[in-house]
Amino acid sequence: MDLDALTAARRDEWARLDQLSRARRLSGAEADELVTRYQSASADLADLKTSAGRTPEGDHVSTILARARLRLTGAPENVLRQIPRFFVLQLPAALYRVRWTTLVIALSFIAVATLVAFWISGDPALIATLGPQAQLEYYAEEQFTGYYSENPAAIFAGTVWTNNAWIAAQCVLFGITGFWPLMVLVQNAVGIGTSAAVMLAFDRGDVFLLFILPHGLLELTCIFVAGAAGLQIFWALVAPGARSRGEALAAAGRSLGTIAIGLVFALALAGLVEGFVTPQSWPAAVKIALGAAALGVFLFYMLVVGRRAYRQGETGDLTEYEAGTPTLVAG
């Protein structure tokens, strides 16, 4: 093969391919032309390498093809642009998708905790199984409220934040097992119900609510959301629909896994309330109102911002470029 003749014959075509691959915007016709010229130049490069091995002409065409390939396949979005998309679209859409499961979990949790509290507090024999009378009385009178002020507020807030964030992450990450989120939720419901039972047995039920509600409104809601995300990941494995189990599980894991990240921020707010509001000797209405306001911000983000993102087609999943082209299925 005459390299000079081939170069002379194809120079304009290669130049046009290079021009198209550098263009900021392409029309539909230009995009088709880019694909056609890319295929043609690829064939030219194969001929060059087969007949002459590595040559300056081949290196030149290879460079042009690399740029064109990048233009055809796209490039990862800048991280600074991904962050706003995550918080404005992906995360709220993912939260919105688990709203009904979260509601069912919340109602079930409250029912179990309430049942345990009144069942134990109404039976002196069951109360006695929890410990000596003096120890239980000390818990109700001193230890329960002292827990929230025995450490500096900032340290206490950071401790409960990391602990609760880890619990929420477990619910999502181990949700594929099916039983793990349920175990965490049941343990917490029984634990809260038992604490309430001791407080009720010593006529301190009002104190229990005053020290649980300010931070518990948001904190427990976050745990409910994490449990809902984990269970929906499990359900994608059980009932994948028309997709394969692997595809359904991957999509659910990517989209709902974002919730674990988002809850870190929500639980940080709950930790601030628990560290700086719950221990205060402020009027009950003020403390509960601040806790309710924190919950209100989260619910607005989840339901209002989330619904807007969901209606725009967001699910919380990665973009098609990041996740790969999905397999089309019928039905």
Protein backbone atom coordinates (compact mmCIF):
# COMPACT_ATOMS: atom_id res chain seq x y z
CA MET A 1 0.00 0.00 0.00
CA ASP A 2 1.25 3.47 -0.90
CA LEU A 3 1.05 5.39 2.41
CA ASP A 4 1.50 8.74 0.72
CA ALA A 5 -1.32 8.01 -1.73
CA LEU A 6 -3.65 6.87 1.05
CA THR A 7 -2.81 9.89 3.17
CA ALA A 8 -3.42 12.25 0.26
CA ALA A 9 -6.72 10.56 -0.57
CA ARG A 10 -8.01 10.50 3.01
CA ARG A 11 -6.52 13.68 4.46
CA ASP A 12 -9.65 15.77 3.95
CA GLU A 13 -11.87 13.03 5.39
CA TRP A 14 -9.68 12.72 8.49
CA ALA A 15 -9.66 16.50 8.87
CA ARG A 16 -13.44 16.54 8.68
CA LEU A 17 -13.66 13.81 11.35
CA ASP A 18 -11.34 15.82 13.58
CA GLN A 19 -13.46 18.93 13.03
CA LEU A 20 -16.66 17.11 13.96
CA SER A 21 -15.13 15.58 17.09
CA ARG A 22 -14.05 19.05 18.28
CA ALA A 23 -17.39 20.77 17.60
CA ARG A 24 -19.25 21.98 20.70
CA ARG A 25 -22.66 21.01 19.31
CA LEU A 26 -23.69 18.64 16.53
CA SER A 27 -26.91 18.53 14.55
CA GLY A 28 -28.55 15.20 13.85
CA ALA A 29 -26.99 15.03 10.39
CA GLU A 30 -23.56 15.92 11.75
CA ALA A 31 -23.82 13.22 14.43
CA ASP A 32 -24.60 10.66 11.72
CA GLU A 33 -21.69 11.96 9.69
CA LEU A 34 -19.41 11.63 12.71
CA VAL A 35 -20.36 7.96 13.10
CA THR A 36 -19.84 7.26 9.40
CA ARG A 37 -16.47 9.00 9.22
CA TYR A 38 -15.39 7.31 12.46
CA GLN A 39 -16.08 3.89 10.94
CA SER A 40 -14.26 4.84 7.74
CA ALA A 41 -11.20 6.16 9.58
CA SER A 42 -11.12 3.02 11.74
CA ALA A 43 -10.90 0.94 8.56
CA ASP A 44 -8.11 3.22 7.28
CA LEU A 45 -6.17 2.77 10.52
CA ALA A 46 -6.54 -1.00 10.29
CA ASP A 47 -5.16 -0.91 6.74
CA LEU A 48 -2.23 1.26 7.80
CA LYS A 49 -1.29 -1.01 10.70
CA THR A 50 -1.68 -4.18 8.64
CA SER A 51 0.47 -2.99 5.75
CA ALA A 52 3.07 -0.81 7.46
CA GLY A 53 2.85 -1.32 11.21
CA ARG A 54 3.24 1.80 13.33
CA THR A 55 3.69 4.96 11.28
CA PRO A 56 3.34 8.71 11.86
CA GLU A 57 0.25 8.65 9.63
CA GLY A 58 -1.26 5.85 11.75
CA ASP A 59 -0.51 7.71 14.99
CA HIS A 60 -2.20 10.79 13.59
CA VAL A 61 -5.35 8.87 12.64
CA SER A 62 -5.33 7.06 16.00
CA THR A 63 -5.32 10.39 17.85
CA ILE A 64 -8.25 11.65 15.78
CA LEU A 65 -10.18 8.43 16.41
CA ALA A 66 -9.56 8.65 20.16
CA ARG A 67 -11.05 12.15 20.25
CA ALA A 68 -14.01 11.08 18.12
CA ARG A 69 -14.60 8.01 20.30
CA LEU A 70 -14.73 10.21 23.38
CA ARG A 71 -17.25 12.45 21.64
CA LEU A 72 -19.42 9.45 20.69
CA THR A 73 -19.38 7.76 24.08
CA GLY A 74 -19.52 10.89 26.20
CA ALA A 75 -17.50 11.86 29.27
CA PRO A 76 -18.27 11.74 33.00
CA GLU A 77 -20.06 14.79 34.28
CA ASN A 78 -18.00 17.19 36.36
CA VAL A 79 -18.23 16.33 40.07
CA LEU A 80 -19.16 19.91 40.94
CA ARG A 81 -22.19 19.54 38.65
CA GLN A 82 -23.11 16.14 40.06
CA ILE A 83 -23.46 17.44 43.62
CA PRO A 84 -26.40 19.80 42.91
CA ARG A 85 -28.09 17.07 40.85
CA PHE A 86 -27.71 14.63 43.73
CA PHE A 87 -29.37 16.90 46.29
CA VAL A 88 -31.98 18.46 43.99
CA LEU A 89 -33.02 15.41 41.96
CA GLN A 90 -31.54 12.02 42.85
CA LEU A 91 -31.84 12.01 46.66
CA PRO A 92 -35.33 13.56 46.97
CA ALA A 93 -36.67 11.27 44.23
CA ALA A 94 -35.28 8.22 46.03
CA LEU A 95 -36.84 9.39 49.31
CA TYR A 96 -40.17 10.01 47.60
CA ARG A 97 -40.22 6.46 46.22
CA VAL A 98 -40.16 4.94 49.73
CA ARG A 99 -42.83 7.22 51.21
CA TRP A 100 -45.58 4.62 51.53
CA THR A 101 -43.31 1.91 52.87
CA THR A 102 -42.00 4.46 55.38
CA LEU A 103 -45.55 5.23 56.51
CA VAL A 104 -46.37 1.55 57.04
CA ILE A 105 -43.16 1.06 59.02
CA ALA A 106 -43.83 4.15 61.14
CA LEU A 107 -47.36 3.05 62.05
CA SER A 108 -46.17 -0.48 62.81
CA PHE A 109 -43.28 0.81 64.92
CA ILE A 110 -45.54 3.07 66.97
CA ALA A 111 -48.04 0.23 67.46
CA VAL A 112 -45.37 -2.19 68.68
CA ALA A 113 -43.72 0.36 71.00
CA THR A 114 -47.08 1.41 72.45
CA LEU A 115 -48.17 -2.20 72.96
CA VAL A 116 -44.93 -3.10 74.73
CA ALA A 117 -45.07 0.03 76.91
CA PHE A 118 -48.60 -0.53 78.21
CA TRP A 119 -48.27 -4.31 78.42
CA ILE A 120 -45.17 -4.16 80.63
CA SER A 121 -46.18 -1.11 82.68
CA GLY A 122 -49.57 -2.66 83.43
CA ASP A 123 -48.09 -5.81 84.98
CA PRO A 124 -45.94 -5.36 88.14
CA ALA A 125 -44.49 -8.84 87.62
CA LEU A 126 -43.15 -7.87 84.21
CA ILE A 127 -41.73 -4.63 85.60
CA ALA A 128 -39.95 -6.64 88.28
CA THR A 129 -38.21 -8.75 85.66
CA LEU A 130 -36.44 -5.62 84.36
CA GLY A 131 -34.43 -5.13 87.56
CA PRO A 132 -34.56 -4.23 91.24
CA GLN A 133 -37.12 -1.65 92.30
CA ALA A 134 -34.46 0.83 93.44
CA GLN A 135 -32.58 0.56 90.15
CA LEU A 136 -35.71 1.08 88.09
CA GLU A 137 -36.72 4.06 90.22
CA TYR A 138 -33.27 5.60 89.75
CA TYR A 139 -33.61 5.10 85.99
CA ALA A 140 -36.98 6.82 85.93
CA GLU A 141 -36.03 9.69 88.23
CA GLU A 142 -32.44 10.41 87.24
CA GLN A 143 -30.76 8.21 84.67
CA PHE A 144 -33.21 8.64 81.78
CA THR A 145 -32.98 12.43 81.73
CA GLY A 146 -29.35 12.54 82.84
CA TYR A 147 -28.29 10.58 79.77
CA TYR A 148 -28.90 13.64 77.60
CA SER A 149 -26.72 15.99 79.67
CA GLU A 150 -23.94 13.84 81.13
CA ASN A 151 -21.59 14.80 78.26
CA PRO A 152 -20.89 18.15 76.55
CA ALA A 153 -23.59 18.90 73.99
CA ALA A 154 -21.27 18.90 70.97
CA ILE A 155 -19.68 15.58 71.90
CA PHE A 156 -23.04 14.01 72.68
CA ALA A 157 -24.53 15.25 69.38
CA GLY A 158 -21.61 13.84 67.42
CA THR A 159 -21.82 10.50 69.20
CA VAL A 160 -25.53 9.95 68.60
CA TRP A 161 -25.14 11.18 65.02
CA THR A 162 -22.49 8.63 64.10
CA ASN A 163 -24.32 5.86 65.93
CA ASN A 164 -27.64 6.55 64.22
CA ALA A 165 -26.01 7.06 60.82
CA TRP A 166 -24.38 3.64 61.15
CA ILE A 167 -27.72 2.04 62.09
CA ALA A 168 -29.41 3.67 59.07
CA ALA A 169 -26.59 2.58 56.76
CA GLN A 170 -26.93 -1.01 58.00
CA CYS A 171 -30.65 -1.01 57.22
CA VAL A 172 -29.96 0.03 53.64
CA LEU A 173 -26.77 -1.91 52.96
CA PHE A 174 -28.01 -5.15 54.54
CA GLY A 175 -31.54 -4.68 53.25
CA ILE A 176 -30.93 -7.39 50.67
CA THR A 177 -31.18 -9.95 53.50
CA GLY A 178 -34.76 -8.96 54.20
CA PHE A 179 -34.54 -9.72 57.92
CA TRP A 180 -31.89 -7.17 58.94
CA PRO A 181 -34.02 -3.99 58.60
CA LEU A 182 -36.89 -5.77 60.36
CA MET A 183 -34.61 -6.87 63.18
CA VAL A 184 -33.28 -3.33 63.69
CA LEU A 185 -36.78 -1.84 63.66
CA VAL A 186 -38.24 -4.41 66.05
CA GLN A 187 -35.30 -4.08 68.47
CA ASN A 188 -35.69 -0.31 68.56
CA ALA A 189 -39.47 -0.49 68.97
CA VAL A 190 -39.19 -2.94 71.87
CA GLY A 191 -36.36 -0.91 73.43
CA ILE A 192 -38.33 2.34 73.31
CA GLY A 193 -41.45 0.57 74.53
CA THR A 194 -39.56 -0.93 77.49
CA SER A 195 -38.08 2.46 78.46
CA ALA A 196 -41.54 3.99 78.25
CA ALA A 197 -42.92 1.18 80.42
CA VAL A 198 -40.45 1.94 83.23
CA MET A 199 -41.23 5.65 83.03
CA LEU A 200 -44.98 4.97 83.06
CA ALA A 201 -44.64 2.64 86.04
CA PHE A 202 -43.22 5.55 88.06
CA ASP A 203 -45.68 8.13 86.69
CA ARG A 204 -43.04 9.76 84.50
CA GLY A 205 -44.70 9.24 81.14
CA ASP A 206 -44.81 12.99 80.47
CA VAL A 207 -41.06 13.25 81.06
CA PHE A 208 -40.49 10.37 78.64
CA LEU A 209 -42.36 12.17 75.86
CA LEU A 210 -40.69 15.49 76.62
CA PHE A 211 -37.23 13.98 76.22
CA ILE A 212 -38.02 11.68 73.29
CA LEU A 213 -40.13 13.79 70.97
CA PRO A 214 -37.84 16.78 70.25
CA HIS A 215 -35.15 14.70 68.54
CA GLY A 216 -37.09 11.46 68.11
CA LEU A 217 -39.50 12.89 65.56
CA LEU A 218 -36.75 13.30 62.97
CA GLU A 219 -34.37 10.61 64.22
CA LEU A 220 -36.93 7.81 64.16
CA THR A 221 -38.31 8.98 60.81
CA CYS A 222 -34.82 8.62 59.36
CA ILE A 223 -34.61 5.06 60.70
CA PHE A 224 -38.04 4.32 59.20
CA VAL A 225 -36.85 5.63 55.82
CA ALA A 226 -33.67 3.55 56.01
CA GLY A 227 -35.70 0.45 56.82
CA ALA A 228 -38.05 1.16 53.93
CA ALA A 229 -35.14 1.54 51.51
CA GLY A 230 -33.59 -1.70 52.69
CA LEU A 231 -36.85 -3.64 52.36
CA GLN A 232 -37.46 -2.30 48.86
CA ILE A 233 -34.00 -3.45 47.82
CA PHE A 234 -34.92 -6.88 49.17
CA TRP A 235 -38.21 -6.78 47.28
CA ALA A 236 -36.36 -6.06 44.02
CA LEU A 237 -34.61 -9.39 44.57
CA VAL A 238 -37.85 -11.23 45.39
CA ALA A 239 -40.01 -9.71 42.63
CA PRO A 240 -37.77 -8.32 39.87
CA GLY A 241 -40.57 -8.08 37.32
CA ALA A 242 -39.59 -8.31 33.64
CA ARG A 243 -35.91 -7.65 34.40
CA SER A 244 -33.43 -10.23 35.60
CA ARG A 245 -32.87 -10.37 39.35
CA GLY A 246 -29.37 -8.98 38.90
CA GLU A 247 -30.57 -5.99 36.88
CA ALA A 248 -33.45 -5.25 39.26
CA LEU A 249 -31.21 -5.55 42.31
CA ALA A 250 -28.51 -3.35 40.76
CA ALA A 251 -31.03 -0.63 39.87
CA ALA A 252 -32.62 -0.72 43.33
CA GLY A 253 -29.24 -0.72 45.05
CA ARG A 254 -27.99 2.26 43.04
CA SER A 255 -31.15 4.33 43.40
CA LEU A 256 -32.05 3.54 47.01
CA GLY A 257 -28.45 3.39 48.19
CA THR A 258 -28.38 7.17 47.80
CA ILE A 259 -30.75 7.30 50.77
CA ALA A 260 -28.00 6.04 53.10
CA ILE A 261 -25.87 9.03 52.08
CA GLY A 262 -28.70 11.52 52.40
CA LEU A 263 -29.71 10.29 55.85
CA VAL A 264 -26.26 11.16 57.15
CA PHE A 265 -27.20 14.83 56.78
CA ALA A 266 -30.71 14.42 58.18
CA LEU A 267 -29.39 12.53 61.19
CA ALA A 268 -26.80 15.26 61.74
CA LEU A 269 -29.71 17.67 62.18
CA ALA A 270 -31.42 15.22 64.54
CA GLY A 271 -28.15 14.92 66.49
CA LEU A 272 -27.98 18.69 66.89
CA VAL A 273 -31.52 18.72 68.25
CA GLU A 274 -30.74 15.86 70.64
CA GLY A 275 -27.53 17.49 71.85
CA PHE A 276 -28.63 21.12 72.11
CA VAL A 277 -32.44 21.09 72.50
CA THR A 278 -33.55 17.90 74.26
CA PRO A 279 -31.52 18.45 77.48
CA GLN A 280 -32.67 22.04 77.92
CA SER A 281 -35.13 23.04 80.64
CA TRP A 282 -37.20 25.01 78.16
CA PRO A 283 -41.00 24.84 78.00
CA ALA A 284 -42.25 21.60 76.51
CA ALA A 285 -44.01 23.43 73.66
CA VAL A 286 -40.77 25.11 72.58
CA LYS A 287 -38.70 21.90 72.58
CA ILE A 288 -41.32 19.87 70.74
CA ALA A 289 -41.93 22.70 68.25
CA LEU A 290 -38.23 22.79 67.37
CA GLY A 291 -38.22 19.02 66.87
CA ALA A 292 -41.36 19.25 64.75
CA ALA A 293 -39.77 22.01 62.65
CA ALA A 294 -36.75 19.78 61.95
CA LEU A 295 -39.09 16.97 60.91
CA GLY A 296 -41.08 19.39 58.78
CA VAL A 297 -37.99 20.40 56.82
CA PHE A 298 -37.18 16.76 56.14
CA LEU A 299 -40.75 15.89 55.10
CA PHE A 300 -40.94 18.90 52.80
CA TYR A 301 -37.72 17.79 51.12
CA MET A 302 -38.91 14.19 50.89
CA LEU A 303 -42.48 14.77 49.73
CA VAL A 304 -42.57 18.11 47.93
CA VAL A 305 -39.09 18.34 46.42
CA GLY A 306 -39.11 14.58 45.93
CA ARG A 307 -42.42 14.56 44.08
CA ARG A 308 -41.22 17.31 41.76
CA ALA A 309 -38.04 15.34 40.97
CA TYR A 310 -39.96 12.08 40.57
CA ARG A 311 -42.37 13.65 38.08
CA GLN A 312 -39.38 14.76 36.03
CA GLY A 313 -38.47 11.11 35.61
CA GLU A 314 -35.88 10.82 38.36
CA THR A 315 -35.70 7.62 40.40
CA GLY A 316 -32.52 8.23 42.36
CA ASP A 317 -30.52 6.03 39.97
CA LEU A 318 -27.38 7.07 38.13
CA THR A 319 -27.59 8.56 34.67
CA GLU A 320 -27.54 6.17 31.71
CA TYR A 321 -23.93 7.09 30.98
CA GLU A 322 -22.87 6.33 34.57
CA ALA A 323 -24.92 3.15 34.97
CA GLY A 324 -24.69 1.79 31.42
CA THR A 325 -27.39 1.48 28.79
CA PRO A 326 -30.34 -0.46 30.22
CA THR A 327 -31.66 -3.62 28.63
CA LEU A 328 -35.06 -3.08 27.04
CA VAL A 329 -37.77 -5.51 28.09
CA ALA A 330 -41.33 -6.00 26.94
CA GLY A 331 -44.23 -5.26 29.24
